[in-house]
C-alpha atoms as a PDB file:
ATOM      1  CA  MET A   1       0.000   0.000   0.000  1.00  0.00           C
ATOM      2  CA  SER A   2       1.120   3.528  -0.713  1.00  0.00           C
ATOM      3  CA  PRO A   3       2.187   5.072   2.612  1.00  0.00           C
ATOM      4  CA  GLU A   4       2.666   8.530   1.054  1.00  0.00           C
ATOM      5  CA  LEU A   5      -1.068   8.904   0.392  1.00  0.00           C
ATOM      6  CA  PRO A   6      -3.114  10.604   3.147  1.00  0.00           C
ATOM      7  CA  TYR A   7      -6.016   8.594   4.517  1.00  0.00           C
ATOM      8  CA  GLU A   8      -9.353   9.445   2.945  1.00  0.00           C
ATOM      9  CA  LEU A   9     -12.774   7.922   3.431  1.00  0.00           C
ATOM     10  CA  PRO A  10     -13.989   5.649   0.656  1.00  0.00           C
ATOM     11  CA  PRO A  11     -16.567   7.305  -1.576  1.00  0.00           C
ATOM     12  CA  PHE A  12     -20.210   7.172  -0.428  1.00  0.00           C
ATOM     13  CA  ILE A  13     -22.294   4.973  -2.756  1.00  0.00           C
ATOM     14  CA  ASN A  14     -26.076   4.793  -2.984  1.00  0.00           C
ATOM     15  CA  LEU A  15     -26.739   1.096  -3.630  1.00  0.00           C
ATOM     16  CA  GLY A  16     -30.305   1.884  -4.651  1.00  0.00           C
ATOM     17  CA  THR A  17     -33.617   0.377  -3.610  1.00  0.00           C
ATOM     18  CA  VAL A  18     -34.517  -3.289  -3.196  1.00  0.00           C
ATOM     19  CA  LEU A  19     -37.736  -5.020  -2.152  1.00  0.00           C
ATOM     20  CA  ARG A  20     -38.279  -6.688   1.217  1.00  0.00           C
ATOM     21  CA  GLY A  21     -37.871 -10.469   1.053  1.00  0.00           C
ATOM     22  CA  ASP A  22     -36.188 -10.563  -2.355  1.00  0.00           C
ATOM     23  CA  THR A  23     -32.857 -12.233  -3.080  1.00  0.00           C
ATOM     24  CA  VAL A  24     -30.508  -9.406  -4.025  1.00  0.00           C
ATOM     25  CA  VAL A  25     -27.313 -10.288  -5.899  1.00  0.00           C
ATOM     26  CA  PHE A  26     -25.056  -7.287  -6.337  1.00  0.00           C
ATOM     27  CA  PRO A  27     -22.637  -7.100  -9.282  1.00  0.00           C
ATOM     28  CA  ILE A  28     -19.120  -8.421  -8.781  1.00  0.00           C
ATOM     29  CA  TRP A  29     -17.171  -5.698  -7.009  1.00  0.00           C
ATOM     30  CA  THR A  30     -13.410  -5.114  -6.937  1.00  0.00           C
ATOM     31  CA  ALA A  31     -11.734  -4.536  -3.574  1.00  0.00           C
ATOM     32  CA  THR A  32      -9.393  -1.562  -3.778  1.00  0.00           C
ATOM     33  CA  VAL A  33      -7.737   0.580  -1.145  1.00  0.00           C
ATOM     34  CA  ARG A  34     -10.251   3.252  -0.025  1.00  0.00           C
ATOM     35  CA  GLY A  35     -12.598   2.085  -2.789  1.00  0.00           C
ATOM     36  CA  ILE A  36     -10.752   4.058  -5.455  1.00  0.00           C
ATOM     37  CA  PRO A  37     -11.362   2.425  -8.868  1.00  0.00           C
ATOM     38  CA  VAL A  38      -8.310   0.873 -10.523  1.00  0.00           C
ATOM     39  CA  GLU A  39      -8.768   3.156 -13.537  1.00  0.00           C
ATOM     40  CA  GLU A  40      -8.338   6.118 -11.167  1.00  0.00           C
ATOM     41  CA  GLY A  41      -5.156   4.731  -9.590  1.00  0.00           C
ATOM     42  CA  GLY A  42      -6.778   2.489  -6.973  1.00  0.00           C
ATOM     43  CA  GLU A  43      -4.658  -0.350  -5.614  1.00  0.00           C
ATOM     44  CA  LEU A  44      -6.074  -3.899  -5.592  1.00  0.00           C
ATOM     45  CA  ILE A  45      -6.339  -5.650  -2.231  1.00  0.00           C
ATOM     46  CA  ASP A  46      -5.074  -9.227  -2.142  1.00  0.00           C
ATOM     47  CA  LEU A  47      -8.087 -11.262  -1.026  1.00  0.00           C
ATOM     48  CA  ASN A  48      -6.152 -14.524  -0.540  1.00  0.00           C
ATOM     49  CA  GLY A  49      -6.940 -15.538   3.041  1.00  0.00           C
ATOM     50  CA  ALA A  50      -9.098 -12.444   3.575  1.00  0.00           C
ATOM     51  CA  THR A  51     -12.441 -12.126   5.350  1.00  0.00           C
ATOM     52  CA  ILE A  52     -15.054  -9.708   4.004  1.00  0.00           C
ATOM     53  CA  TRP A  53     -18.120  -8.301   5.790  1.00  0.00           C
ATOM     54  CA  PHE A  54     -21.071  -6.419   4.285  1.00  0.00           C
ATOM     55  CA  THR A  55     -23.008  -4.772   7.121  1.00  0.00           C
ATOM     56  CA  ALA A  56     -26.269  -2.813   6.903  1.00  0.00           C
ATOM     57  CA  LYS A  57     -27.675  -0.935   9.918  1.00  0.00           C
ATOM     58  CA  ARG A  58     -30.556   1.426  10.608  1.00  0.00           C
ATOM     59  CA  SER A  59     -28.467   3.165  13.266  1.00  0.00           C
ATOM     60  CA  LEU A  60     -24.685   3.193  13.559  1.00  0.00           C
ATOM     61  CA  GLU A  61     -25.135   2.553  17.295  1.00  0.00           C
ATOM     62  CA  ASP A  62     -26.744  -0.867  16.587  1.00  0.00           C
ATOM     63  CA  ASP A  63     -24.742  -4.077  16.894  1.00  0.00           C
ATOM     64  CA  ASP A  64     -23.615  -5.493  13.552  1.00  0.00           C
ATOM     65  CA  ALA A  65     -26.467  -7.982  13.110  1.00  0.00           C
ATOM     66  CA  GLU A  66     -29.097  -6.277  15.290  1.00  0.00           C
ATOM     67  CA  ALA A  67     -32.530  -6.347  13.642  1.00  0.00           C
ATOM     68  CA  PRO A  68     -33.625  -4.795  11.437  1.00  0.00           C
ATOM     69  CA  GLY A  69     -30.010  -4.572  10.277  1.00  0.00           C
ATOM     70  CA  PHE A  70     -28.070  -7.522   8.907  1.00  0.00           C
ATOM     71  CA  GLN A  71     -24.577  -8.686   8.134  1.00  0.00           C
ATOM     72  CA  GLN A  72     -23.253 -10.953   5.388  1.00  0.00           C
ATOM     73  CA  SER A  73     -19.696 -12.297   5.360  1.00  0.00           C
ATOM     74  CA  THR A  74     -17.319 -14.767   3.808  1.00  0.00           C
ATOM     75  CA  VAL A  75     -17.487 -16.686   7.103  1.00  0.00           C
ATOM     76  CA  ALA A  76     -21.254 -16.733   7.804  1.00  0.00           C
ATOM     77  CA  GLY A  77     -22.378 -16.566   4.167  1.00  0.00           C
ATOM     78  CA  GLY A  78     -23.633 -13.963   1.747  1.00  0.00           C
ATOM     79  CA  VAL A  79     -20.201 -12.807   0.573  1.00  0.00           C
ATOM     80  CA  GLU A  80     -18.175 -14.836  -1.901  1.00  0.00           C
ATOM     81  CA  ILE A  81     -14.633 -14.124  -3.017  1.00  0.00           C
ATOM     82  CA  ILE A  82     -14.806 -14.675  -6.785  1.00  0.00           C
ATOM     83  CA  ASP A  83     -11.120 -14.173  -7.666  1.00  0.00           C
ATOM     84  CA  PRO A  84      -8.748 -13.318  -4.798  1.00  0.00           C
ATOM     85  CA  ASP A  85      -5.892 -12.257  -7.084  1.00  0.00           C
ATOM     86  CA  LEU A  86      -8.113  -9.842  -9.029  1.00  0.00           C
ATOM     87  CA  ALA A  87      -9.709  -8.665  -5.748  1.00  0.00           C
ATOM     88  CA  GLN A  88     -13.196  -9.625  -6.944  1.00  0.00           C
ATOM     89  CA  TYR A  89     -16.038 -10.459  -4.576  1.00  0.00           C
ATOM     90  CA  GLN A  90     -19.836 -10.574  -4.628  1.00  0.00           C
ATOM     91  CA  VAL A  91     -22.480  -9.826  -1.995  1.00  0.00           C
ATOM     92  CA  THR A  92     -25.854 -11.581  -1.895  1.00  0.00           C
ATOM     93  CA  ILE A  93     -28.657 -10.552   0.455  1.00  0.00           C
ATOM     94  CA  GLU A  94     -30.921 -13.516   1.171  1.00  0.00           C
ATOM     95  CA  PRO A  95     -34.705 -13.023   1.699  1.00  0.00           C
ATOM     96  CA  GLY A  96     -34.472 -13.756   5.428  1.00  0.00           C
ATOM     97  CA  SER A  97     -32.371 -10.628   5.957  1.00  0.00           C
ATOM     98  CA  THR A  98     -35.242  -8.281   5.050  1.00  0.00           C
ATOM     99  CA  VAL A  99     -38.470 -10.326   5.155  1.00  0.00           C
ATOM    100  CA  GLY A 100     -39.235  -9.238   8.733  1.00  0.00           C
ATOM    101  CA  LEU A 101     -39.384  -5.516   7.933  1.00  0.00           C
ATOM    102  CA  THR A 102     -42.770  -3.903   8.621  1.00  0.00           C
ATOM    103  CA  ALA A 103     -41.909  -0.473   7.241  1.00  0.00           C
ATOM    104  CA  PRO A 104     -39.572   0.877   4.560  1.00  0.00           C
ATOM    105  CA  GLU A 105     -36.013   1.312   5.834  1.00  0.00           C
ATOM    106  CA  VAL A 106     -32.889   3.124   4.735  1.00  0.00           C
ATOM    107  CA  PHE A 107     -29.756   1.382   5.942  1.00  0.00           C
ATOM    108  CA  SER A 108     -26.222   2.693   6.288  1.00  0.00           C
ATOM    109  CA  CYS A 109     -23.860   0.053   4.987  1.00  0.00           C
ATOM    110  CA  ASP A 110     -20.208  -0.664   4.430  1.00  0.00           C
ATOM    111  CA  VAL A 111     -17.815  -3.340   3.286  1.00  0.00           C
ATOM    112  CA  GLN A 112     -14.857  -4.166   5.491  1.00  0.00           C
ATOM    113  CA  VAL A 113     -11.947  -6.440   4.598  1.00  0.00           C
ATOM    114  CA  ARG A 114      -9.551  -8.145   6.988  1.00  0.00           C
ATOM    115  CA  THR A 115      -6.517  -9.184   4.934  1.00  0.00           C
ATOM    116  CA  ALA A 116      -4.090 -12.002   5.692  1.00  0.00           C
ATOM    117  CA  LEU A 117      -1.365  -9.424   6.629  1.00  0.00           C
ATOM    118  CA  PRO A 118      -3.506  -8.612   8.829  1.00  0.00           C
ATOM    119  CA  GLN A 119      -4.944  -5.223   7.959  1.00  0.00           C
ATOM    120  CA  THR A 120      -8.524  -4.036   8.387  1.00  0.00           C
ATOM    121  CA  LEU A 121      -9.787  -1.794   5.588  1.00  0.00           C
ATOM    122  CA  THR A 122     -13.197  -0.260   4.978  1.00  0.00           C
ATOM    123  CA  ILE A 123     -13.455  -0.236   1.198  1.00  0.00           C
ATOM    124  CA  MET A 124     -17.044   0.881   0.633  1.00  0.00           C
ATOM    125  CA  ARG A 125     -19.634   2.877   2.512  1.00  0.00           C
ATOM    126  CA  GLY A 126     -23.077   3.907   1.455  1.00  0.00           C
ATOM    127  CA  SER A 127     -26.808   3.481   1.788  1.00  0.00           C
ATOM    128  CA  LEU A 128     -29.374   0.860   0.809  1.00  0.00           C
ATOM    129  CA  SER A 129     -33.124   1.427   0.768  1.00  0.00           C
ATOM    130  CA  VAL A 130     -35.542  -1.459   1.323  1.00  0.00           C
ATOM    131  CA  GLN A 131     -39.160  -0.929   0.291  1.00  0.00           C
ATOM    132  CA  LEU A 132     -42.092  -3.130   1.240  1.00  0.00           C
ATOM    133  CA  ASP A 133     -43.315  -5.668  -1.290  1.00  0.00           C
ATOM    134  CA  VAL A 134     -46.857  -6.937  -1.828  1.00  0.00           C
ATOM    135  CA  THR A 135     -46.351 -10.707  -1.796  1.00  0.00           C
ATOM    136  CA  ARG A 136     -45.187 -11.982   1.589  1.00  0.00           C
ATOM    137  CA  THR A 137     -44.743 -15.648   0.572  1.00  0.00           C
ATOM    138  CA  ILE A 138     -41.188 -16.885   0.148  1.00  0.00           C
ATOM    139  CA  ALA A 139     -41.031 -19.693  -2.394  1.00  0.00           C
END
């Protein structure tokens, strides 16, 4: 990692709106230092031996998996490292993470990586809106 660069927060990303109880599969993302895209000089993070967490919370004071918030990870499920050398990973939100919502919610979320070095890096931060659906049955 480039020690001469000052620390900056990763960019804030609006992940959009999803429906309660749906399976949400995000595109394959690339893990870079501070979330800076490679084409803008971002440095890939080696995901060999890494753990990744995607956490969504209503309030930043809530515990990581405190309802109505939820957490996905490479350990507990919901986050898959696609190619560790290319720093590619994918997040999937299963229906059970949002099916219990009784009102629309806007969650603060982030992605944190713990590398094999070990280093802990927050590589994405943003928001995710969950709207209520009509059908409550999960097939």
